């Protein structure tokens, strides 16, 4: 069973992603990255990316993360903060601790593509 399936599939990943962005938007240290962004579209794109990364049936067809984040100036500390918001969203959704850790480990694999400062 894939991590995607263990988490509950697309609906569950989308719900977690929605909460993840609510957490980010409430945090002044990272919310500025999303000023002027259509958050419904952003949530949809991120949920699709996570579904693919977690073993879902659809391949990621979106933009390369390194290109997307190239000029954003994201620091390691900011990435760590964002990962914390993902962990919180997963935990709030009632995801078991071992699955939270596994999901966070998958998200950590893109740190090198996102951190540019």
PDB file of N, CA and C in Angstrom:
ATOM      1  N   UNK A   1       0.844  -1.185   0.000  1.00  0.00           N
ATOM      2  CA  UNK A   1       0.000   0.000   0.000  1.00  0.00           C
ATOM      3  C   UNK A   1       0.889   1.249   0.000  1.00  0.00           C
ATOM      4  N   UNK A   2       0.618   2.155  -0.917  1.00  0.00           N
ATOM      5  CA  UNK A   2       1.439   3.368  -1.009  1.00  0.00           C
ATOM      6  C   UNK A   2       1.115   4.312   0.146  1.00  0.00           C
ATOM      7  N   UNK A   3       2.011   5.250   0.374  1.00  0.00           N
ATOM      8  CA  UNK A   3       1.768   6.279   1.382  1.00  0.00           C
ATOM      9  C   UNK A   3       0.515   7.074   1.023  1.00  0.00           C
ATOM     10  N   UNK A   4       0.346   7.360  -0.247  1.00  0.00           N
ATOM     11  CA  UNK A   4      -0.854   8.038  -0.747  1.00  0.00           C
ATOM     12  C   UNK A   4      -2.112   7.300  -0.289  1.00  0.00           C
ATOM     13  N   UNK A   5      -2.127   5.989  -0.465  1.00  0.00           N
ATOM     14  CA  UNK A   5      -3.282   5.179  -0.066  1.00  0.00           C
ATOM     15  C   UNK A   5      -3.441   5.146   1.449  1.00  0.00           C
ATOM     16  N   UNK A   6      -2.333   5.026   2.162  1.00  0.00           N
ATOM     17  CA  UNK A   6      -2.394   4.980   3.624  1.00  0.00           C
ATOM     18  C   UNK A   6      -2.926   6.279   4.222  1.00  0.00           C
ATOM     19  N   UNK A   7      -2.665   7.381   3.536  1.00  0.00           N
ATOM     20  CA  UNK A   7      -3.155   8.674   4.010  1.00  0.00           C
ATOM     21  C   UNK A   7      -4.640   8.892   3.706  1.00  0.00           C
ATOM     22  N   UNK A   8      -5.198   8.076   2.815  1.00  0.00           N
ATOM     23  CA  UNK A   8      -6.618   8.193   2.503  1.00  0.00           C
ATOM     24  C   UNK A   8      -6.918   8.663   1.103  1.00  0.00           C
ATOM     25  N   UNK A   9      -5.889   8.758   0.254  1.00  0.00           N
ATOM     26  CA  UNK A   9      -6.109   9.109  -1.133  1.00  0.00           C
ATOM     27  C   UNK A   9      -6.194  10.606  -1.390  1.00  0.00           C
ATOM     28  N   UNK A  10      -6.686  10.931  -2.570  1.00  0.00           N
ATOM     29  CA  UNK A  10      -6.682  12.316  -3.048  1.00  0.00           C
ATOM     30  C   UNK A  10      -7.469  13.263  -2.156  1.00  0.00           C
ATOM     31  N   UNK A  11      -8.636  12.845  -1.691  1.00  0.00           N
ATOM     32  CA  UNK A  11      -9.457  13.732  -0.851  1.00  0.00           C
ATOM     33  C   UNK A  11      -8.727  14.072   0.448  1.00  0.00           C
ATOM     34  N   UNK A  12      -8.089  13.087   1.042  1.00  0.00           N
ATOM     35  CA  UNK A  12      -7.377  13.325   2.294  1.00  0.00           C
ATOM     36  C   UNK A  12      -6.160  14.214   2.078  1.00  0.00           C
ATOM     37  N   UNK A  13      -5.411  13.969   1.011  1.00  0.00           N
ATOM     38  CA  UNK A  13      -4.229  14.794   0.720  1.00  0.00           C
ATOM     39  C   UNK A  13      -4.660  16.230   0.425  1.00  0.00           C
ATOM     40  N   UNK A  14      -5.745  16.392  -0.290  1.00  0.00           N
ATOM     41  CA  UNK A  14      -6.245  17.736  -0.582  1.00  0.00           C
ATOM     42  C   UNK A  14      -6.682  18.449   0.692  1.00  0.00           C
ATOM     43  N   UNK A  15      -7.343  17.749   1.587  1.00  0.00           N
ATOM     44  CA  UNK A  15      -7.769  18.354   2.856  1.00  0.00           C
ATOM     45  C   UNK A  15      -6.563  18.796   3.679  1.00  0.00           C
ATOM     46  N   UNK A  16      -5.545  17.951   3.731  1.00  0.00           N
ATOM     47  CA  UNK A  16      -4.322  18.308   4.461  1.00  0.00           C
ATOM     48  C   UNK A  16      -3.653  19.510   3.804  1.00  0.00           C
ATOM     49  N   UNK A  17      -3.624  19.529   2.480  1.00  0.00           N
ATOM     50  CA  UNK A  17      -3.004  20.642   1.761  1.00  0.00           C
ATOM     51  C   UNK A  17      -3.747  21.947   2.026  1.00  0.00           C
ATOM     52  N   UNK A  18      -5.048  21.896   2.101  1.00  0.00           N
ATOM     53  CA  UNK A  18      -5.849  23.078   2.411  1.00  0.00           C
ATOM     54  C   UNK A  18      -5.485  23.617   3.794  1.00  0.00           C
ATOM     55  N   UNK A  19      -5.385  22.726   4.774  1.00  0.00           N
ATOM     56  CA  UNK A  19      -5.008  23.149   6.129  1.00  0.00           C
ATOM     57  C   UNK A  19      -3.559  23.646   6.160  1.00  0.00           C
ATOM     58  N   UNK A  20      -2.696  22.990   5.425  1.00  0.00           N
ATOM     59  CA  UNK A  20      -1.285  23.383   5.316  1.00  0.00           C
ATOM     60  C   UNK A  20      -1.182  24.850   4.880  1.00  0.00           C
ATOM     61  N   UNK A  21      -1.924  25.229   3.845  1.00  0.00           N
ATOM     62  CA  UNK A  21      -1.870  26.614   3.375  1.00  0.00           C
ATOM     63  C   UNK A  21      -2.551  27.575   4.340  1.00  0.00           C
ATOM     64  N   UNK A  22      -3.576  27.129   5.054  1.00  0.00           N
ATOM     65  CA  UNK A  22      -4.175  27.983   6.090  1.00  0.00           C
ATOM     66  C   UNK A  22      -3.140  28.279   7.172  1.00  0.00           C
ATOM     67  N   UNK A  23      -2.360  27.265   7.545  1.00  0.00           N
ATOM     68  CA  UNK A  23      -1.294  27.445   8.532  1.00  0.00           C
ATOM     69  C   UNK A  23      -0.253  28.441   8.029  1.00  0.00           C
ATOM     70  N   UNK A  24       0.144  28.289   6.785  1.00  0.00           N
ATOM     71  CA  UNK A  24       1.156  29.172   6.193  1.00  0.00           C
ATOM     72  C   UNK A  24       0.643  30.608   6.131  1.00  0.00           C
ATOM     73  N   UNK A  25      -0.589  30.779   5.705  1.00  0.00           N
ATOM     74  CA  UNK A  25      -1.132  32.129   5.569  1.00  0.00           C
ATOM     75  C   UNK A  25      -1.259  32.835   6.918  1.00  0.00           C
ATOM     76  N   UNK A  26      -1.342  32.064   8.004  1.00  0.00           N
ATOM     77  CA  UNK A  26      -1.430  32.642   9.343  1.00  0.00           C
ATOM     78  C   UNK A  26      -0.046  32.950   9.936  1.00  0.00           C
ATOM     79  N   UNK A  27       1.002  32.636   9.206  1.00  0.00           N
ATOM     80  CA  UNK A  27       2.374  32.796   9.697  1.00  0.00           C
ATOM     81  C   UNK A  27       3.094  33.882   8.898  1.00  0.00           C
ATOM     82  N   UNK A  28       3.304  35.025   9.516  1.00  0.00           N
ATOM     83  CA  UNK A  28       3.922  36.172   8.834  1.00  0.00           C
ATOM     84  C   UNK A  28       5.345  35.894   8.360  1.00  0.00           C
ATOM     85  N   UNK A  29       5.991  34.880   8.903  1.00  0.00           N
ATOM     86  CA  UNK A  29       7.369  34.602   8.487  1.00  0.00           C
ATOM     87  C   UNK A  29       7.450  33.937   7.119  1.00  0.00           C
ATOM     88  N   UNK A  30       6.341  33.382   6.650  1.00  0.00           N
ATOM     89  CA  UNK A  30       6.352  32.710   5.340  1.00  0.00           C
ATOM     90  C   UNK A  30       5.171  33.064   4.443  1.00  0.00           C
ATOM     91  N   UNK A  31       4.166  33.725   4.983  1.00  0.00           N
ATOM     92  CA  UNK A  31       2.970  34.021   4.188  1.00  0.00           C
ATOM     93  C   UNK A  31       3.258  34.949   3.021  1.00  0.00           C
ATOM     94  N   UNK A  32       4.291  35.788   3.140  1.00  0.00           N
ATOM     95  CA  UNK A  32       4.605  36.751   2.081  1.00  0.00           C
ATOM     96  C   UNK A  32       4.925  36.079   0.746  1.00  0.00           C
ATOM     97  N   UNK A  33       5.355  34.842   0.764  1.00  0.00           N
ATOM     98  CA  UNK A  33       5.657  34.139  -0.485  1.00  0.00           C
ATOM     99  C   UNK A  33       4.400  33.934  -1.331  1.00  0.00           C
ATOM    100  N   UNK A  34       3.238  34.075  -0.715  1.00  0.00           N
ATOM    101  CA  UNK A  34       1.987  33.782  -1.403  1.00  0.00           C
ATOM    102  C   UNK A  34       1.136  35.024  -1.631  1.00  0.00           C
ATOM    103  N   UNK A  35       1.710  36.200  -1.425  1.00  0.00           N
ATOM    104  CA  UNK A  35       0.995  37.445  -1.716  1.00  0.00           C
ATOM    105  C   UNK A  35       0.656  37.492  -3.205  1.00  0.00           C
ATOM    106  N   UNK A  36      -0.596  37.774  -3.513  1.00  0.00           N
ATOM    107  CA  UNK A  36      -1.019  37.894  -4.902  1.00  0.00           C
ATOM    108  C   UNK A  36      -1.221  36.572  -5.618  1.00  0.00           C
ATOM    109  N   UNK A  37      -1.108  35.474  -4.898  1.00  0.00           N
ATOM    110  CA  UNK A  37      -1.263  34.138  -5.493  1.00  0.00           C
ATOM    111  C   UNK A  37      -2.712  33.682  -5.313  1.00  0.00           C
ATOM    112  N   UNK A  38      -3.276  33.089  -6.337  1.00  0.00           N
ATOM    113  CA  UNK A  38      -4.592  32.471  -6.236  1.00  0.00           C
ATOM    114  C   UNK A  38      -4.431  31.201  -5.401  1.00  0.00           C
ATOM    115  N   UNK A  39      -4.887  31.246  -4.158  1.00  0.00           N
ATOM    116  CA  UNK A  39      -4.618  30.138  -3.247  1.00  0.00           C
ATOM    117  C   UNK A  39      -5.406  28.872  -3.588  1.00  0.00           C
ATOM    118  N   UNK A  40      -6.549  29.011  -4.220  1.00  0.00           N
ATOM    119  CA  UNK A  40      -7.279  27.810  -4.660  1.00  0.00           C
ATOM    120  C   UNK A  40      -6.455  27.059  -5.704  1.00  0.00           C
ATOM    121  N   UNK A  41      -5.882  27.801  -6.656  1.00  0.00           N
ATOM    122  CA  UNK A  41      -5.021  27.177  -7.668  1.00  0.00           C
ATOM    123  C   UNK A  41      -3.759  26.595  -7.030  1.00  0.00           C
ATOM    124  N   UNK A  42      -3.156  27.351  -6.123  1.00  0.00           N
ATOM    125  CA  UNK A  42      -1.936  26.897  -5.457  1.00  0.00           C
ATOM    126  C   UNK A  42      -2.194  25.614  -4.671  1.00  0.00           C
ATOM    127  N   UNK A  43      -3.307  25.580  -3.969  1.00  0.00           N
ATOM    128  CA  UNK A  43      -3.660  24.391  -3.190  1.00  0.00           C
ATOM    129  C   UNK A  43      -3.855  23.193  -4.113  1.00  0.00           C
ATOM    130  N   UNK A  44      -4.540  23.409  -5.222  1.00  0.00           N
ATOM    131  CA  UNK A  44      -4.770  22.330  -6.181  1.00  0.00           C
ATOM    132  C   UNK A  44      -3.454  21.796  -6.756  1.00  0.00           C
ATOM    133  N   UNK A  45      -2.567  22.707  -7.132  1.00  0.00           N
ATOM    134  CA  UNK A  45      -1.269  22.293  -7.687  1.00  0.00           C
ATOM    135  C   UNK A  45      -0.442  21.528  -6.661  1.00  0.00           C
ATOM    136  N   UNK A  46      -0.404  22.040  -5.445  1.00  0.00           N
ATOM    137  CA  UNK A  46       0.388  21.384  -4.406  1.00  0.00           C
ATOM    138  C   UNK A  46      -0.204  20.030  -4.045  1.00  0.00           C
ATOM    139  N   UNK A  47      -1.514  19.947  -3.964  1.00  0.00           N
ATOM    140  CA  UNK A  47      -2.145  18.657  -3.683  1.00  0.00           C
ATOM    141  C   UNK A  47      -1.829  17.643  -4.785  1.00  0.00           C
ATOM    142  N   UNK A  48      -1.871  18.078  -6.029  1.00  0.00           N
ATOM    143  CA  UNK A  48      -1.523  17.184  -7.148  1.00  0.00           C
ATOM    144  C   UNK A  48      -0.077  16.723  -7.052  1.00  0.00           C
ATOM    145  N   UNK A  49       0.818  17.661  -6.720  1.00  0.00           N
ATOM    146  CA  UNK A  49       2.228  17.306  -6.560  1.00  0.00           C
ATOM    147  C   UNK A  49       2.393  16.289  -5.431  1.00  0.00           C
ATOM    148  N   UNK A  50       1.774  16.564  -4.285  1.00  0.00           N
ATOM    149  CA  UNK A  50       1.899  15.653  -3.151  1.00  0.00           C
ATOM    150  C   UNK A  50       1.311  14.282  -3.457  1.00  0.00           C
ATOM    151  N   UNK A  51       0.176  14.263  -4.125  1.00  0.00           N
ATOM    152  CA  UNK A  51      -0.416  12.965  -4.496  1.00  0.00           C
ATOM    153  C   UNK A  51       0.561  12.137  -5.314  1.00  0.00           C
ATOM    154  N   UNK A  52       1.189  12.758  -6.280  1.00  0.00           N
ATOM    155  CA  UNK A  52       2.163  12.042  -7.113  1.00  0.00           C
ATOM    156  C   UNK A  52       3.379  11.620  -6.292  1.00  0.00           C
ATOM    157  N   UNK A  53       3.896  12.534  -5.487  1.00  0.00           N
ATOM    158  CA  UNK A  53       5.099  12.253  -4.701  1.00  0.00           C
ATOM    159  C   UNK A  53       4.867  11.161  -3.655  1.00  0.00           C
ATOM    160  N   UNK A  54       3.637  11.026  -3.214  1.00  0.00           N
ATOM    161  CA  UNK A  54       3.299  10.037  -2.182  1.00  0.00           C
ATOM    162  C   UNK A  54       2.851   8.702  -2.759  1.00  0.00           C
ATOM    163  N   UNK A  55       2.969   8.559  -4.083  1.00  0.00           N
ATOM    164  CA  UNK A  55       2.665   7.277  -4.712  1.00  0.00           C
ATOM    165  C   UNK A  55       1.287   7.175  -5.326  1.00  0.00           C
ATOM    166  N   UNK A  56       0.636   8.312  -5.527  1.00  0.00           N
ATOM    167  CA  UNK A  56      -0.688   8.300  -6.161  1.00  0.00           C
ATOM    168  C   UNK A  56      -0.613   7.865  -7.611  1.00  0.00           C
ATOM    169  N   UNK A  57      -1.771   7.622  -8.210  1.00  0.00           N
ATOM    170  CA  UNK A  57      -1.806   7.058  -9.565  1.00  0.00           C
ATOM    171  C   UNK A  57      -1.456   8.027 -10.694  1.00  0.00           C
ATOM    172  N   UNK A  58      -1.497   9.337 -10.431  1.00  0.00           N
ATOM    173  CA  UNK A  58      -1.233  10.319 -11.481  1.00  0.00           C
ATOM    174  C   UNK A  58       0.170  10.894 -11.336  1.00  0.00           C
ATOM    175  N   UNK A  59       0.902  10.941 -12.426  1.00  0.00           N
ATOM    176  CA  UNK A  59       2.246  11.532 -12.426  1.00  0.00           C
ATOM    177  C   UNK A  59       2.135  13.047 -12.316  1.00  0.00           C
ATOM    178  N   UNK A  60       3.160  13.670 -11.730  1.00  0.00           N
ATOM    179  CA  UNK A  60       3.211  15.132 -11.641  1.00  0.00           C
ATOM    180  C   UNK A  60       3.472  15.686 -13.020  1.00  0.00           C
ATOM    181  N   UNK A  61       2.615  16.572 -13.493  1.00  0.00           N
ATOM    182  CA  UNK A  61       2.770  17.180 -14.809  1.00  0.00           C
ATOM    183  C   UNK A  61       3.022  18.670 -14.734  1.00  0.00           C
ATOM    184  N   UNK A  62       3.244  19.171 -13.539  1.00  0.00           N
ATOM    185  CA  UNK A  62       3.447  20.603 -13.347  1.00  0.00           C
ATOM    186  C   UNK A  62       4.888  21.020 -13.559  1.00  0.00           C
ATOM    187  N   UNK A  63       5.146  22.273 -13.230  1.00  0.00           N
ATOM    188  CA  UNK A  63       6.475  22.861 -13.432  1.00  0.00           C
ATOM    189  C   UNK A  63       7.506  22.258 -12.482  1.00  0.00           C
ATOM    190  N   UNK A  64       8.749  22.347 -12.899  1.00  0.00           N
ATOM    191  CA  UNK A  64       9.881  21.898 -12.100  1.00  0.00           C
ATOM    192  C   UNK A  64      10.009  22.792 -10.866  1.00  0.00           C
ATOM    193  N   UNK A  65      10.105  22.182  -9.696  1.00  0.00           N
ATOM    194  CA  UNK A  65      10.154  22.965  -8.457  1.00  0.00           C
ATOM    195  C   UNK A  65      11.372  23.868  -8.361  1.00  0.00           C
ATOM    196  N   UNK A  66      12.475  23.425  -8.892  1.00  0.00           N
ATOM    197  CA  UNK A  66      13.686  24.250  -8.860  1.00  0.00           C
ATOM    198  C   UNK A  66      13.475  25.543  -9.660  1.00  0.00           C
ATOM    199  N   UNK A  67      12.840  25.430 -10.820  1.00  0.00           N
ATOM    200  CA  UNK A  67      12.546  26.612 -11.645  1.00  0.00           C
ATOM    201  C   UNK A  67      11.547  27.535 -10.953  1.00  0.00           C
ATOM    202  N   UNK A  68      10.509  26.955 -10.377  1.00  0.00           N
ATOM    203  CA  UNK A  68       9.461  27.741  -9.725  1.00  0.00           C
ATOM    204  C   UNK A  68      10.024  28.575  -8.578  1.00  0.00           C
ATOM    205  N   UNK A  69      10.947  27.989  -7.824  1.00  0.00           N
ATOM    206  CA  UNK A  69      11.458  28.643  -6.614  1.00  0.00           C
ATOM    207  C   UNK A  69      12.780  29.385  -6.826  1.00  0.00           C
ATOM    208  N   UNK A  70      13.281  29.398  -8.034  1.00  0.00           N
ATOM    209  CA  UNK A  70      14.617  29.936  -8.317  1.00  0.00           C
ATOM    210  C   UNK A  70      14.853  31.348  -7.796  1.00  0.00           C
ATOM    211  N   UNK A  71      13.895  32.217  -7.929  1.00  0.00           N
ATOM    212  CA  UNK A  71      14.086  33.622  -7.557  1.00  0.00           C
ATOM    213  C   UNK A  71      13.311  34.028  -6.314  1.00  0.00           C
ATOM    214  N   UNK A  72      12.875  33.063  -5.532  1.00  0.00           N
ATOM    215  CA  UNK A  72      12.048  33.370  -4.371  1.00  0.00           C
ATOM    216  C   UNK A  72      12.859  33.691  -3.116  1.00  0.00           C
ATOM    217  N   UNK A  73      14.096  33.232  -3.055  1.00  0.00           N
ATOM    218  CA  UNK A  73      14.930  33.518  -1.891  1.00  0.00           C
ATOM    219  C   UNK A  73      14.515  32.791  -0.630  1.00  0.00           C
ATOM    220  N   UNK A  74      14.012  31.581  -0.767  1.00  0.00           N
ATOM    221  CA  UNK A  74      13.597  30.786   0.390  1.00  0.00           C
ATOM    222  C   UNK A  74      14.846  30.313   1.143  1.00  0.00           C
ATOM    223  N   UNK A  75      14.848  30.539   2.454  1.00  0.00           N
ATOM    224  CA  UNK A  75      15.966  30.103   3.293  1.00  0.00           C
ATOM    225  C   UNK A  75      15.686  28.720   3.877  1.00  0.00           C
ATOM    226  N   UNK A  76      16.735  28.094   4.395  1.00  0.00           N
ATOM    227  CA  UNK A  76      16.560  26.815   5.091  1.00  0.00           C
ATOM    228  C   UNK A  76      15.592  26.962   6.252  1.00  0.00           C
ATOM    229  N   UNK A  77      15.719  28.051   6.998  1.00  0.00           N
ATOM    230  CA  UNK A  77      14.835  28.272   8.151  1.00  0.00           C
ATOM    231  C   UNK A  77      13.376  28.386   7.706  1.00  0.00           C
ATOM    232  N   UNK A  78      13.130  29.083   6.611  1.00  0.00           N
ATOM    233  CA  UNK A  78      11.764  29.217   6.111  1.00  0.00           C
ATOM    234  C   UNK A  78      11.227  27.878   5.616  1.00  0.00           C
ATOM    235  N   UNK A  79      12.067  27.103   4.951  1.00  0.00           N
ATOM    236  CA  UNK A  79      11.632  25.777   4.507  1.00  0.00           C
ATOM    237  C   UNK A  79      11.283  24.917   5.714  1.00  0.00           C
ATOM    238  N   UNK A  80      12.100  24.986   6.756  1.00  0.00           N
ATOM    239  CA  UNK A  80      11.838  24.226   7.979  1.00  0.00           C
ATOM    240  C   UNK A  80      10.509  24.657   8.597  1.00  0.00           C
ATOM    241  N   UNK A  81      10.229  25.946   8.576  1.00  0.00           N
ATOM    242  CA  UNK A  81       8.947  26.448   9.080  1.00  0.00           C
ATOM    243  C   UNK A  81       7.789  25.870   8.286  1.00  0.00           C
ATOM    244  N   UNK A  82       7.927  25.863   6.964  1.00  0.00           N
ATOM    245  CA  UNK A  82       6.874  25.321   6.097  1.00  0.00           C
ATOM    246  C   UNK A  82       6.679  23.832   6.366  1.00  0.00           C
ATOM    247  N   UNK A  83       7.753  23.105   6.547  1.00  0.00           N
ATOM    248  CA  UNK A  83       7.647  21.675   6.877  1.00  0.00           C
ATOM    249  C   UNK A  83       6.899  21.497   8.195  1.00  0.00           C
ATOM    250  N   UNK A  84       7.142  22.383   9.136  1.00  0.00           N
ATOM    251  CA  UNK A  84       6.410  22.343  10.399  1.00  0.00           C
ATOM    252  C   UNK A  84       4.915  22.533  10.198  1.00  0.00           C
ATOM    253  N   UNK A  85       4.559  23.407   9.264  1.00  0.00           N
ATOM    254  CA  UNK A  85       3.139  23.615   8.960  1.00  0.00           C
ATOM    255  C   UNK A  85       2.532  22.379   8.293  1.00  0.00           C
ATOM    256  N   UNK A  86       3.304  21.684   7.489  1.00  0.00           N
ATOM    257  CA  UNK A  86       2.828  20.428   6.906  1.00  0.00           C
ATOM    258  C   UNK A  86       2.615  19.395   8.007  1.00  0.00           C
ATOM    259  N   UNK A  87       3.595  19.272   8.890  1.00  0.00           N
ATOM    260  CA  UNK A  87       3.487  18.320  10.010  1.00  0.00           C
ATOM    261  C   UNK A  87       2.234  18.633  10.841  1.00  0.00           C
ATOM    262  N   UNK A  88       2.005  19.899  11.117  1.00  0.00           N
ATOM    263  CA  UNK A  88       0.845  20.317  11.905  1.00  0.00           C
ATOM    264  C   UNK A  88      -0.466  19.978  11.196  1.00  0.00           C
ATOM    265  N   UNK A  89      -0.517  20.227   9.893  1.00  0.00           N
ATOM    266  CA  UNK A  89      -1.732  19.924   9.126  1.00  0.00           C
ATOM    267  C   UNK A  89      -2.027  18.428   9.129  1.00  0.00           C
ATOM    268  N   UNK A  90      -0.992  17.632   8.979  1.00  0.00           N
ATOM    269  CA  UNK A  90      -1.160  16.176   9.005  1.00  0.00           C
ATOM    270  C   UNK A  90      -1.651  15.706  10.374  1.00  0.00           C
ATOM    271  N   UNK A  91      -1.025  16.228  11.408  1.00  0.00           N
ATOM    272  CA  UNK A  91      -1.387  15.855  12.777  1.00  0.00           C
ATOM    273  C   UNK A  91      -2.822  16.277  13.089  1.00  0.00           C
ATOM    274  N   UNK A  92      -3.189  17.489  12.678  1.00  0.00           N
ATOM    275  CA  UNK A  92      -4.556  17.991  12.904  1.00  0.00           C
ATOM    276  C   UNK A  92      -5.599  17.135  12.197  1.00  0.00           C
ATOM    277  N   UNK A  93      -5.196  16.516  11.090  1.00  0.00           N
ATOM    278  CA  UNK A  93      -6.107  15.658  10.333  1.00  0.00           C
ATOM    279  C   UNK A  93      -6.210  14.256  10.934  1.00  0.00           C
ATOM    280  N   UNK A  94      -5.472  14.017  12.005  1.00  0.00           N
ATOM    281  CA  UNK A  94      -5.537  12.713  12.661  1.00  0.00           C
ATOM    282  C   UNK A  94      -4.660  11.652  12.041  1.00  0.00           C
ATOM    283  N   UNK A  95      -3.683  12.064  11.242  1.00  0.00           N
ATOM    284  CA  UNK A  95      -2.766  11.110  10.607  1.00  0.00           C
ATOM    285  C   UNK A  95      -1.841  10.527  11.681  1.00  0.00           C
ATOM    286  N   UNK A  96      -1.639   9.232  11.629  1.00  0.00           N
ATOM    287  CA  UNK A  96      -0.770   8.541  12.593  1.00  0.00           C
ATOM    288  C   UNK A  96       0.651   9.085  12.505  1.00  0.00           C
ATOM    289  N   UNK A  97       1.327   9.134  13.645  1.00  0.00           N
ATOM    290  CA  UNK A  97       2.661   9.733  13.749  1.00  0.00           C
ATOM    291  C   UNK A  97       3.648   9.140  12.747  1.00  0.00           C
ATOM    292  N   UNK A  98       3.618   7.823  12.539  1.00  0.00           N
ATOM    293  CA  UNK A  98       4.566   7.215  11.604  1.00  0.00           C
ATOM    294  C   UNK A  98       4.302   7.664  10.169  1.00  0.00           C
ATOM    295  N   UNK A  99       3.036   7.855   9.822  1.00  0.00           N
ATOM    296  CA  UNK A  99       2.707   8.339   8.476  1.00  0.00           C
ATOM    297  C   UNK A  99       3.043   9.814   8.334  1.00  0.00           C
ATOM    298  N   UNK A 100       2.890  10.578   9.408  1.00  0.00           N
ATOM    299  CA  UNK A 100       3.316  11.987   9.383  1.00  0.00           C
ATOM    300  C   UNK A 100       4.805  12.043   9.094  1.00  0.00           C
ATOM    301  N   UNK A 101       5.579  11.242   9.817  1.00  0.00           N
ATOM    302  CA  UNK A 101       7.030  11.236   9.617  1.00  0.00           C
ATOM    303  C   UNK A 101       7.409  10.835   8.199  1.00  0.00           C
ATOM    304  N   UNK A 102       6.740   9.840   7.659  1.00  0.00           N
ATOM    305  CA  UNK A 102       7.030   9.394   6.292  1.00  0.00           C
ATOM    306  C   UNK A 102       6.680  10.478   5.267  1.00  0.00           C
ATOM    307  N   UNK A 103       5.560  11.164   5.482  1.00  0.00           N
ATOM    308  CA  UNK A 103       5.136  12.217   4.563  1.00  0.00           C
ATOM    309  C   UNK A 103       6.105  13.393   4.615  1.00  0.00           C
ATOM    310  N   UNK A 104       6.504  13.760   5.816  1.00  0.00           N
ATOM    311  CA  UNK A 104       7.473  14.847   5.982  1.00  0.00           C
ATOM    312  C   UNK A 104       8.799  14.467   5.324  1.00  0.00           C
ATOM    313  N   UNK A 105       9.201  13.217   5.436  1.00  0.00           N
ATOM    314  CA  UNK A 105      10.446  12.772   4.798  1.00  0.00           C
ATOM    315  C   UNK A 105      10.367  12.930   3.278  1.00  0.00           C
ATOM    316  N   UNK A 106       9.217  12.644   2.699  1.00  0.00           N
ATOM    317  CA  UNK A 106       9.037  12.845   1.258  1.00  0.00           C
ATOM    318  C   UNK A 106       9.140  14.333   0.927  1.00  0.00           C
ATOM    319  N   UNK A 107       8.477  15.170   1.712  1.00  0.00           N
ATOM    320  CA  UNK A 107       8.530  16.617   1.475  1.00  0.00           C
ATOM    321  C   UNK A 107       9.954  17.143   1.612  1.00  0.00           C
ATOM    322  N   UNK A 108      10.710  16.593   2.524  1.00  0.00           N
ATOM    323  CA  UNK A 108      12.105  17.028   2.719  1.00  0.00           C
ATOM    324  C   UNK A 108      12.980  16.767   1.497  1.00  0.00           C
ATOM    325  N   UNK A 109      12.582  15.850   0.636  1.00  0.00           N
ATOM    326  CA  UNK A 109      13.413  15.529  -0.527  1.00  0.00           C
ATOM    327  C   UNK A 109      13.513  16.683  -1.519  1.00  0.00           C
ATOM    328  N   UNK A 110      12.622  17.666  -1.407  1.00  0.00           N
ATOM    329  CA  UNK A 110      12.659  18.793  -2.331  1.00  0.00           C
ATOM    330  C   UNK A 110      13.345  20.032  -1.735  1.00  0.00           C
ATOM    331  N   UNK A 111      13.878  19.909  -0.528  1.00  0.00           N
ATOM    332  CA  UNK A 111      14.529  21.049   0.119  1.00  0.00           C
ATOM    333  C   UNK A 111      15.575  21.684  -0.808  1.00  0.00           C
ATOM    334  N   UNK A 112      16.387  20.895  -1.441  1.00  0.00           N
ATOM    335  CA  UNK A 112      17.435  21.408  -2.316  1.00  0.00           C
ATOM    336  C   UNK A 112      16.916  22.144  -3.544  1.00  0.00           C
ATOM    337  N   UNK A 113      15.694  21.839  -3.951  1.00  0.00           N
ATOM    338  CA  UNK A 113      15.087  22.516  -5.092  1.00  0.00           C
ATOM    339  C   UNK A 113      14.387  23.810  -4.689  1.00  0.00           C
ATOM    340  N   UNK A 114      13.957  23.900  -3.438  1.00  0.00           N
ATOM    341  CA  UNK A 114      13.166  25.037  -2.977  1.00  0.00           C
ATOM    342  C   UNK A 114      14.031  26.111  -2.302  1.00  0.00           C
ATOM    343  N   UNK A 115      15.018  25.676  -1.526  1.00  0.00           N
ATOM    344  CA  UNK A 115      15.869  26.629  -0.809  1.00  0.00           C
ATOM    345  C   UNK A 115      16.850  27.255  -1.802  1.00  0.00           C
ATOM    346  N   UNK A 116      16.774  28.578  -1.885  1.00  0.00           N
ATOM    347  CA  UNK A 116      17.617  29.300  -2.858  1.00  0.00           C
ATOM    348  C   UNK A 116      18.405  30.433  -2.220  1.00  0.00           C
ATOM    349  N   UNK A 117      18.288  30.594  -0.916  1.00  0.00           N
ATOM    350  CA  UNK A 117      19.000  31.693  -0.244  1.00  0.00           C
ATOM    351  C   UNK A 117      19.841  31.150   0.907  1.00  0.00           C
TER     352      UNK A 117
END
